[in-house]
Amino acid sequence: MVSAARIIALLVGVVVLLGTLTSVVRVLIAPRAGSSLAAYPMRASRAAFRRAARLSPTYARSERVLAMSEPVALLVLLGTWLFLTLVGFTFVDYGIDGSGLAAAFSQAGSSVFTLGFALSHGSGSRAVDFMAAGAGLVLVALQIAYLPTLYASYNRRETLVTLLESRAGSPAWGPELLIRHQLVGAVDNLASLFAEWERWAADVAESHTSYPSLLYLRSPRSQDSWVVSLIAVMDAAALAVAVSPEETPIEARMLIRMGFTCLRHIAEMARIPFDPDPGADDPIELPREEFDSAYRHLEDIDYPMSRTAAEAWPQFRGWRINYESVAYALADRVDAPPARWTGPRTLFRAEYLEPVRPIDRQPATGGPGSPGAVDEPGGSPGRPGPG
């Protein structure tokens, strides 16, 4: 006669297995992110790395700690699923077999990990062993297939982020993008750049809402970040439209719209609150002084502008209000590098990074290698070296 304890154990095992199956389907198969049992261990893993990073005195050291956060979280994800599968089949074996709990655990582990050292004698138990072995193989196979999909999206994302280094500095900054294009006479290329980033934003919106781990996978270079780069390109587009609406291509407006749509989709998935319909006259966090400083830099290099700073500020603010708050929240959530115009970080103690500019090496009049040759740094924020 089957005892009540074994019936309860069988039911608990079935519930655990169904919950694990639902989690696997939501994370690996369904093209839409959703909450699952595995989310809690991953959050705990990220929180542990964040606490360790908080102990580091500088951003560079914190970055080295955070770089390992999501790879470890992905291993925790696989380990959680395997553990829950093992627990579920242990309770099922215990419920239908007459052996003890230790023997059921040994039997389930032998089957889930396809070791084959423990054999069942009953027909029902053997059927469970076959299902456990199949579940273990399928689980590992799905995880192996998941990683290439994840890193394919990651590589697509990082290509444009890396290309932005030479155009907007590292970490990227919106005014720097316009400054460098003006200095090298490439303002006409902004249309194609904005169009490319519009497609990039659409791709990120789809991939990062389907695979939330992409949010936390950091760039190979410590001062690069997908969210900082998107903010910089959107700021550049908004600034260009604000100061010179007639000369700025329509691609700038399309980028801004797709950019804040991307950020809002990700915020909805990450459960970050935001105002979906802010007013054009609502205040923004970026100080007016920062905008005026950027305007003067553009003025110093003769960037084509048809509006004064006083006229351009309300226009810039009206564009930025659509994405500033959600962009700041996402940058803080993923502990992005503390770049200019990207908001505060709770982790980095008000530390900010200036864009790294290339050195403008000028040969002396006597020719290459002459004693009078000097190296001139890319200088002030308003006049970086070309490239």
Protein backbone atom coordinates (compact mmCIF):
# COMPACT_ATOMS: atom_id res chain seq x y z
CA MET A 1 0.00 0.00 0.00
CA VAL A 2 1.41 3.40 -1.02
CA SER A 3 1.79 5.75 1.94
CA ALA A 4 0.53 9.31 1.96
CA ALA A 5 4.13 10.57 2.22
CA ARG A 6 5.06 8.89 -1.07
CA ILE A 7 1.97 10.27 -2.83
CA ILE A 8 2.87 13.76 -1.63
CA ALA A 9 6.48 13.24 -2.77
CA LEU A 10 5.24 12.12 -6.21
CA LEU A 11 3.06 15.21 -6.56
CA VAL A 12 5.88 17.51 -5.43
CA GLY A 13 8.22 15.90 -7.96
CA VAL A 14 5.72 16.37 -10.79
CA VAL A 15 5.21 20.02 -9.84
CA VAL A 16 8.97 20.67 -9.72
CA LEU A 17 9.47 19.03 -13.13
CA LEU A 18 6.61 20.97 -14.69
CA GLY A 19 7.98 24.21 -13.24
CA THR A 20 11.45 23.43 -14.62
CA LEU A 21 10.01 22.57 -18.02
CA THR A 22 8.09 25.85 -18.08
CA SER A 23 11.23 27.76 -17.17
CA VAL A 24 13.28 26.08 -19.92
CA VAL A 25 10.61 26.77 -22.53
CA ARG A 26 10.29 30.44 -21.53
CA VAL A 27 14.03 31.09 -21.53
CA LEU A 28 15.31 28.92 -24.39
CA ILE A 29 12.42 28.29 -26.77
CA ALA A 30 9.69 30.94 -26.55
CA PRO A 31 10.70 34.15 -28.41
CA ARG A 32 9.58 36.30 -25.51
CA ALA A 33 11.08 36.84 -22.10
CA GLY A 34 9.13 35.82 -19.04
CA SER A 35 9.64 35.19 -15.36
CA SER A 36 10.78 31.73 -14.36
CA LEU A 37 12.18 29.73 -11.49
CA ALA A 38 15.71 30.18 -12.82
CA ALA A 39 15.51 33.98 -12.62
CA TYR A 40 16.01 34.06 -8.86
CA PRO A 41 19.38 32.21 -8.71
CA MET A 42 20.63 34.37 -11.61
CA ARG A 43 19.62 37.54 -9.77
CA ALA A 44 21.36 36.28 -6.65
CA SER A 45 24.51 35.59 -8.67
CA ARG A 46 24.48 39.08 -10.23
CA ALA A 47 23.86 40.66 -6.82
CA ALA A 48 26.87 38.82 -5.36
CA PHE A 49 29.15 40.13 -8.11
CA ARG A 50 27.72 43.62 -7.68
CA ARG A 51 28.49 43.55 -3.97
CA ALA A 52 32.04 42.42 -4.76
CA ALA A 53 32.41 45.20 -7.35
CA ARG A 54 31.23 47.76 -4.79
CA LEU A 55 34.29 46.95 -2.69
CA SER A 56 36.64 47.98 -5.52
CA PRO A 57 37.99 51.53 -5.16
CA THR A 58 38.00 52.40 -8.88
CA TYR A 59 35.86 51.78 -11.93
CA ALA A 60 38.61 49.77 -13.65
CA ARG A 61 38.69 47.22 -10.83
CA SER A 62 34.92 47.09 -10.57
CA GLU A 63 34.71 46.46 -14.31
CA ARG A 64 36.97 43.40 -14.05
CA VAL A 65 34.65 41.94 -11.42
CA LEU A 66 31.45 42.75 -13.33
CA ALA A 67 32.81 41.26 -16.56
CA MET A 68 32.47 37.79 -15.05
CA SER A 69 29.00 38.37 -13.62
CA GLU A 70 26.79 37.24 -16.50
CA PRO A 71 28.97 34.31 -17.71
CA VAL A 72 28.77 32.91 -14.18
CA ALA A 73 25.03 33.64 -14.07
CA LEU A 74 24.57 31.57 -17.24
CA LEU A 75 26.37 28.67 -15.58
CA VAL A 76 24.13 29.14 -12.56
CA LEU A 77 21.14 28.96 -14.91
CA LEU A 78 22.20 25.56 -16.28
CA GLY A 79 23.09 24.32 -12.80
CA THR A 80 19.70 25.41 -11.45
CA TRP A 81 17.82 23.53 -14.16
CA LEU A 82 19.88 20.38 -13.66
CA PHE A 83 19.43 20.59 -9.89
CA LEU A 84 15.67 21.07 -10.15
CA THR A 85 15.43 18.21 -12.64
CA LEU A 86 17.39 15.97 -10.27
CA VAL A 87 15.18 16.96 -7.32
CA GLY A 88 12.00 16.42 -9.32
CA PHE A 89 12.92 12.94 -10.49
CA THR A 90 14.20 12.04 -7.01
CA PHE A 91 10.74 12.72 -5.56
CA VAL A 92 9.04 10.91 -8.44
CA ASP A 93 11.26 7.83 -7.97
CA TYR A 94 10.66 7.93 -4.25
CA GLY A 95 6.91 8.17 -4.79
CA ILE A 96 6.54 5.21 -7.16
CA ASP A 97 9.31 2.94 -5.87
CA GLY A 98 9.60 1.20 -2.52
CA SER A 99 13.19 2.30 -1.92
CA GLY A 100 14.33 5.00 0.43
CA LEU A 101 15.01 8.64 -0.37
CA ALA A 102 18.78 8.13 -0.68
CA ALA A 103 18.28 5.28 -3.15
CA ALA A 104 15.80 7.41 -5.13
CA PHE A 105 18.34 10.24 -5.30
CA SER A 106 21.04 7.87 -6.52
CA GLN A 107 18.69 6.41 -9.13
CA ALA A 108 17.60 9.86 -10.37
CA GLY A 109 21.18 11.14 -10.55
CA SER A 110 22.30 8.08 -12.46
CA SER A 111 19.56 8.66 -15.03
CA VAL A 112 19.65 12.47 -15.35
CA PHE A 113 23.40 12.51 -15.86
CA THR A 114 23.25 9.29 -17.98
CA LEU A 115 25.77 7.52 -15.74
CA GLY A 116 23.84 4.23 -15.64
CA PHE A 117 25.26 2.87 -12.39
CA ALA A 118 21.85 2.53 -10.70
CA LEU A 119 19.15 0.36 -12.27
CA SER A 120 15.48 0.15 -11.39
CA HIS A 121 13.63 -3.16 -11.16
CA GLY A 122 10.02 -2.06 -11.55
CA SER A 123 8.58 -1.24 -14.97
CA GLY A 124 7.26 2.11 -13.71
CA SER A 125 10.63 3.10 -12.26
CA ARG A 126 12.42 2.14 -15.48
CA ALA A 127 10.06 4.35 -17.47
CA VAL A 128 10.90 7.23 -15.15
CA ASP A 129 14.61 6.48 -15.63
CA PHE A 130 14.22 6.74 -19.40
CA MET A 131 12.41 10.06 -19.06
CA ALA A 132 15.07 11.36 -16.66
CA ALA A 133 17.87 10.40 -19.02
CA GLY A 134 16.09 12.06 -21.93
CA ALA A 135 15.41 15.19 -19.89
CA GLY A 136 19.07 15.52 -18.91
CA LEU A 137 20.29 15.14 -22.49
CA VAL A 138 17.72 17.54 -23.93
CA LEU A 139 18.43 20.11 -21.23
CA VAL A 140 22.17 20.15 -21.88
CA ALA A 141 21.63 20.14 -25.67
CA LEU A 142 19.26 23.10 -25.49
CA GLN A 143 21.70 25.03 -23.34
CA ILE A 144 24.52 24.31 -25.80
CA ALA A 145 22.34 25.55 -28.67
CA TYR A 146 21.30 28.59 -26.63
CA LEU A 147 24.81 29.95 -26.18
CA PRO A 148 25.63 30.36 -29.91
CA THR A 149 22.31 32.16 -30.42
CA LEU A 150 23.06 34.42 -27.47
CA TYR A 151 26.59 35.25 -28.59
CA ALA A 152 25.56 35.76 -32.21
CA SER A 153 23.26 38.56 -31.04
CA TYR A 154 26.02 39.82 -28.77
CA ASN A 155 28.53 39.98 -31.63
CA ARG A 156 26.07 41.87 -33.85
CA ARG A 157 25.53 44.37 -31.07
CA GLU A 158 29.20 44.91 -30.33
CA THR A 159 30.28 45.49 -33.93
CA LEU A 160 28.68 48.95 -34.13
CA VAL A 161 29.63 49.72 -30.53
CA THR A 162 33.28 49.11 -31.41
CA LEU A 163 33.04 51.14 -34.62
CA LEU A 164 31.72 54.06 -32.58
CA GLU A 165 34.99 54.39 -30.67
CA SER A 166 36.69 56.28 -33.50
CA ARG A 167 33.60 58.43 -34.10
CA ALA A 168 32.42 59.36 -30.60
CA GLY A 169 35.25 58.51 -28.21
CA SER A 170 35.45 55.88 -25.51
CA PRO A 171 33.17 55.99 -23.62
CA ALA A 172 30.96 57.47 -26.31
CA TRP A 173 29.59 61.01 -25.95
CA GLY A 174 26.97 62.56 -28.23
CA PRO A 175 28.55 65.99 -28.88
CA GLU A 176 31.87 64.27 -29.57
CA LEU A 177 30.25 62.43 -32.48
CA LEU A 178 29.24 65.70 -34.15
CA ILE A 179 32.56 67.36 -33.35
CA ARG A 180 34.67 64.64 -34.94
CA HIS A 181 32.54 64.44 -38.07
CA GLN A 182 32.83 68.21 -38.53
CA LEU A 183 36.59 68.20 -37.98
CA VAL A 184 37.19 65.59 -40.67
CA GLY A 185 34.59 66.97 -43.06
CA ALA A 186 32.29 63.97 -42.74
CA VAL A 187 29.04 65.60 -41.61
CA ASP A 188 27.35 64.31 -44.78
CA ASN A 189 28.02 60.74 -43.55
CA LEU A 190 25.81 61.24 -40.49
CA ALA A 191 22.71 60.20 -42.46
CA SER A 192 24.06 56.71 -43.14
CA LEU A 193 25.36 56.40 -39.58
CA PHE A 194 21.98 57.30 -38.08
CA ALA A 195 20.21 54.87 -40.46
CA GLU A 196 22.58 52.08 -39.43
CA TRP A 197 21.97 52.76 -35.76
CA GLU A 198 18.22 52.79 -36.33
CA ARG A 199 18.45 49.20 -37.62
CA TRP A 200 20.81 48.36 -34.76
CA ALA A 201 18.26 49.65 -32.22
CA ALA A 202 15.53 47.51 -33.78
CA ASP A 203 17.76 44.43 -33.57
CA VAL A 204 18.65 45.16 -29.94
CA ALA A 205 15.00 45.68 -29.04
CA GLU A 206 14.13 42.23 -30.42
CA SER A 207 17.14 40.30 -29.12
CA HIS A 208 17.45 41.85 -25.65
CA THR A 209 13.78 41.41 -24.81
CA SER A 210 13.95 37.77 -25.93
CA TYR A 211 17.26 37.03 -24.18
CA PRO A 212 17.60 39.25 -21.07
CA SER A 213 21.12 37.95 -20.36
CA LEU A 214 22.32 40.15 -23.22
CA LEU A 215 21.58 43.19 -21.07
CA TYR A 216 24.31 42.21 -18.64
CA LEU A 217 26.94 40.84 -21.03
CA ARG A 218 29.54 43.60 -21.03
CA SER A 219 31.58 44.85 -23.96
CA PRO A 220 35.10 43.44 -24.46
CA ARG A 221 36.59 46.88 -23.80
CA SER A 222 36.00 48.25 -20.32
CA GLN A 223 34.86 51.74 -21.38
CA ASP A 224 32.41 50.55 -24.06
CA SER A 225 28.75 49.78 -23.44
CA TRP A 226 25.74 49.18 -25.64
CA VAL A 227 23.48 51.48 -23.63
CA VAL A 228 26.06 54.27 -23.39
CA SER A 229 26.65 54.05 -27.14
CA LEU A 230 22.93 54.24 -27.91
CA ILE A 231 22.51 57.26 -25.62
CA ALA A 232 25.46 58.96 -27.32
CA VAL A 233 24.12 58.43 -30.85
CA MET A 234 20.63 59.55 -29.84
CA ASP A 235 22.08 62.64 -28.13
CA ALA A 236 24.07 63.44 -31.25
CA ALA A 237 20.94 63.12 -33.38
CA ALA A 238 18.86 65.22 -30.98
CA LEU A 239 21.57 67.87 -30.76
CA ALA A 240 21.91 68.02 -34.55
CA VAL A 241 18.16 68.39 -35.04
CA ALA A 242 18.00 71.04 -32.31
CA VAL A 243 20.76 73.28 -33.64
CA SER A 244 20.25 72.78 -37.37
CA PRO A 245 16.85 71.29 -38.26
CA GLU A 246 17.04 72.15 -41.97
CA GLU A 247 20.51 70.65 -42.53
CA THR A 248 20.04 67.51 -40.41
CA PRO A 249 18.85 64.44 -42.35
CA ILE A 250 15.52 62.79 -41.56
CA GLU A 251 17.44 59.68 -40.46
CA ALA A 252 18.30 61.51 -37.23
CA ARG A 253 14.63 61.78 -36.25
CA MET A 254 13.98 58.16 -37.24
CA LEU A 255 16.91 57.03 -35.09
CA ILE A 256 15.65 58.90 -32.04
CA ARG A 257 12.19 57.37 -32.37
CA MET A 258 13.51 53.84 -32.85
CA GLY A 259 16.04 54.40 -30.07
CA PHE A 260 13.56 55.38 -27.39
CA THR A 261 11.21 52.64 -28.61
CA CYS A 262 14.03 50.14 -28.11
CA LEU A 263 14.79 51.44 -24.61
CA ARG A 264 11.13 51.38 -23.62
CA HIS A 265 10.61 47.80 -24.83
CA ILE A 266 13.62 46.70 -22.79
CA ALA A 267 12.42 48.68 -19.77
CA GLU A 268 9.02 46.97 -19.94
CA MET A 269 10.71 43.58 -20.00
CA ALA A 270 13.01 44.57 -17.11
CA ARG A 271 10.05 46.08 -15.18
CA ILE A 272 11.56 49.55 -15.07
CA PRO A 273 8.81 52.19 -14.71
CA PHE A 274 8.76 55.15 -17.09
CA ASP A 275 6.40 57.80 -18.40
CA PRO A 276 5.17 56.64 -21.84
CA ASP A 277 3.97 60.10 -22.86
CA PRO A 278 6.12 62.85 -21.34
CA GLY A 279 5.40 66.48 -22.13
CA ALA A 280 7.71 68.37 -24.46
CA ASP A 281 8.16 71.07 -21.81
CA ASP A 282 8.88 68.68 -18.94
CA PRO A 283 12.29 69.20 -17.28
CA ILE A 284 15.20 66.85 -17.90
CA GLU A 285 18.06 65.91 -15.60
CA LEU A 286 20.84 67.05 -17.94
CA PRO A 287 21.83 70.54 -16.76
CA ARG A 288 21.39 73.43 -19.16
CA GLU A 289 25.04 74.31 -18.56
CA GLU A 290 26.13 71.00 -20.09
CA PHE A 291 24.11 71.73 -23.22
CA ASP A 292 25.51 75.26 -23.48
CA SER A 293 29.04 73.93 -23.16
CA ALA A 294 28.44 71.42 -25.98
CA TYR A 295 26.90 74.21 -28.09
CA ARG A 296 30.03 76.34 -27.64
CA HIS A 297 32.25 73.42 -28.68
CA LEU A 298 30.23 73.06 -31.88
CA GLU A 299 30.39 76.80 -32.41
CA ASP A 300 34.18 76.79 -32.00
CA ILE A 301 34.65 74.32 -34.86
CA ASP A 302 32.10 76.03 -37.14
CA TYR A 303 29.54 73.23 -37.05
CA PRO A 304 26.62 74.33 -39.28
CA MET A 305 23.96 75.76 -36.95
CA SER A 306 20.91 77.90 -37.65
CA ARG A 307 19.66 78.33 -34.08
CA THR A 308 21.12 80.04 -31.06
CA ALA A 309 21.71 78.08 -27.86
CA ALA A 310 18.59 79.64 -26.32
CA GLU A 311 16.51 78.58 -29.33
CA ALA A 312 18.01 75.10 -29.58
CA TRP A 313 17.71 74.15 -25.89
CA PRO A 314 13.89 73.68 -25.82
CA GLN A 315 14.10 71.59 -28.99
CA PHE A 316 16.86 69.38 -27.59
CA ARG A 317 15.02 69.02 -24.29
CA GLY A 318 11.82 68.05 -26.16
CA TRP A 319 13.63 65.21 -27.90
CA ARG A 320 15.62 64.03 -24.88
CA ILE A 321 12.63 63.87 -22.54
CA ASN A 322 11.48 60.83 -24.54
CA TYR A 323 14.43 58.68 -23.56
CA GLU A 324 16.47 60.27 -20.77
CA SER A 325 14.84 58.71 -17.70
CA VAL A 326 14.59 55.19 -19.09
CA ALA A 327 18.12 55.40 -20.51
CA TYR A 328 19.51 56.51 -17.15
CA ALA A 329 17.65 53.71 -15.37
CA LEU A 330 18.95 51.06 -17.77
CA ALA A 331 22.50 52.39 -17.57
CA ASP A 332 22.33 52.13 -13.79
CA ARG A 333 20.69 48.70 -13.89
CA VAL A 334 23.48 47.18 -16.02
CA ASP A 335 26.24 49.20 -14.28
CA ALA A 336 27.34 50.78 -17.56
CA PRO A 337 30.55 52.84 -17.63
CA PRO A 338 29.86 56.24 -16.01
CA ALA A 339 30.13 58.27 -19.22
CA ARG A 340 29.09 61.88 -19.74
CA TRP A 341 25.38 62.60 -20.23
CA THR A 342 24.35 59.08 -19.14
CA GLY A 343 23.17 59.77 -15.61
CA PRO A 344 24.46 58.76 -12.17
CA ARG A 345 25.49 55.26 -11.11
CA THR A 346 24.78 53.86 -7.67
CA LEU A 347 27.81 51.57 -7.94
CA PHE A 348 30.66 53.87 -8.99
CA ARG A 349 30.50 56.60 -6.32
CA ALA A 350 29.88 59.54 -8.68
CA GLU A 351 32.94 58.67 -10.77
CA TYR A 352 32.76 59.87 -14.39
CA LEU A 353 34.86 58.93 -17.40
CA GLU A 354 35.87 61.41 -20.10
CA PRO A 355 35.98 60.24 -23.73
CA VAL A 356 39.44 59.01 -24.75
CA ARG A 357 40.57 60.90 -27.80
CA PRO A 358 43.27 59.89 -30.28
CA ILE A 359 46.56 61.77 -30.29
CA ASP A 360 46.96 64.16 -33.20
CA ARG A 361 50.57 63.58 -34.21
CA GLN A 362 51.87 66.46 -36.33
CA PRO A 363 55.17 66.21 -38.21
CA ALA A 364 57.55 69.14 -37.99
CA THR A 365 58.31 71.25 -41.07
CA GLY A 366 61.64 69.49 -41.45
CA GLY A 367 59.93 66.24 -42.40
CA PRO A 368 59.23 62.92 -40.72
CA GLY A 369 61.58 62.01 -37.97
CA SER A 370 63.17 65.45 -37.79
CA PRO A 371 64.27 66.74 -34.39
CA GLY A 372 61.49 69.30 -34.35
CA ALA A 373 58.67 66.73 -34.64
CA VAL A 374 56.16 66.87 -31.78
CA ASP A 375 53.16 64.91 -30.56
CA GLU A 376 50.11 67.04 -29.87
CA PRO A 377 47.36 65.43 -27.83
CA GLY A 378 43.81 65.56 -29.07
CA GLY A 379 43.44 68.42 -26.68
CA SER A 380 40.45 70.18 -25.33
CA PRO A 381 36.89 68.79 -25.38
CA GLY A 382 36.09 71.15 -28.21
CA ARG A 383 38.98 70.20 -30.47
CA PRO A 384 39.83 66.49 -30.37
CA GLY A 385 42.29 65.04 -32.82
CA PRO A 386 40.88 63.78 -36.11
CA GLY A 387 39.75 60.18 -36.37
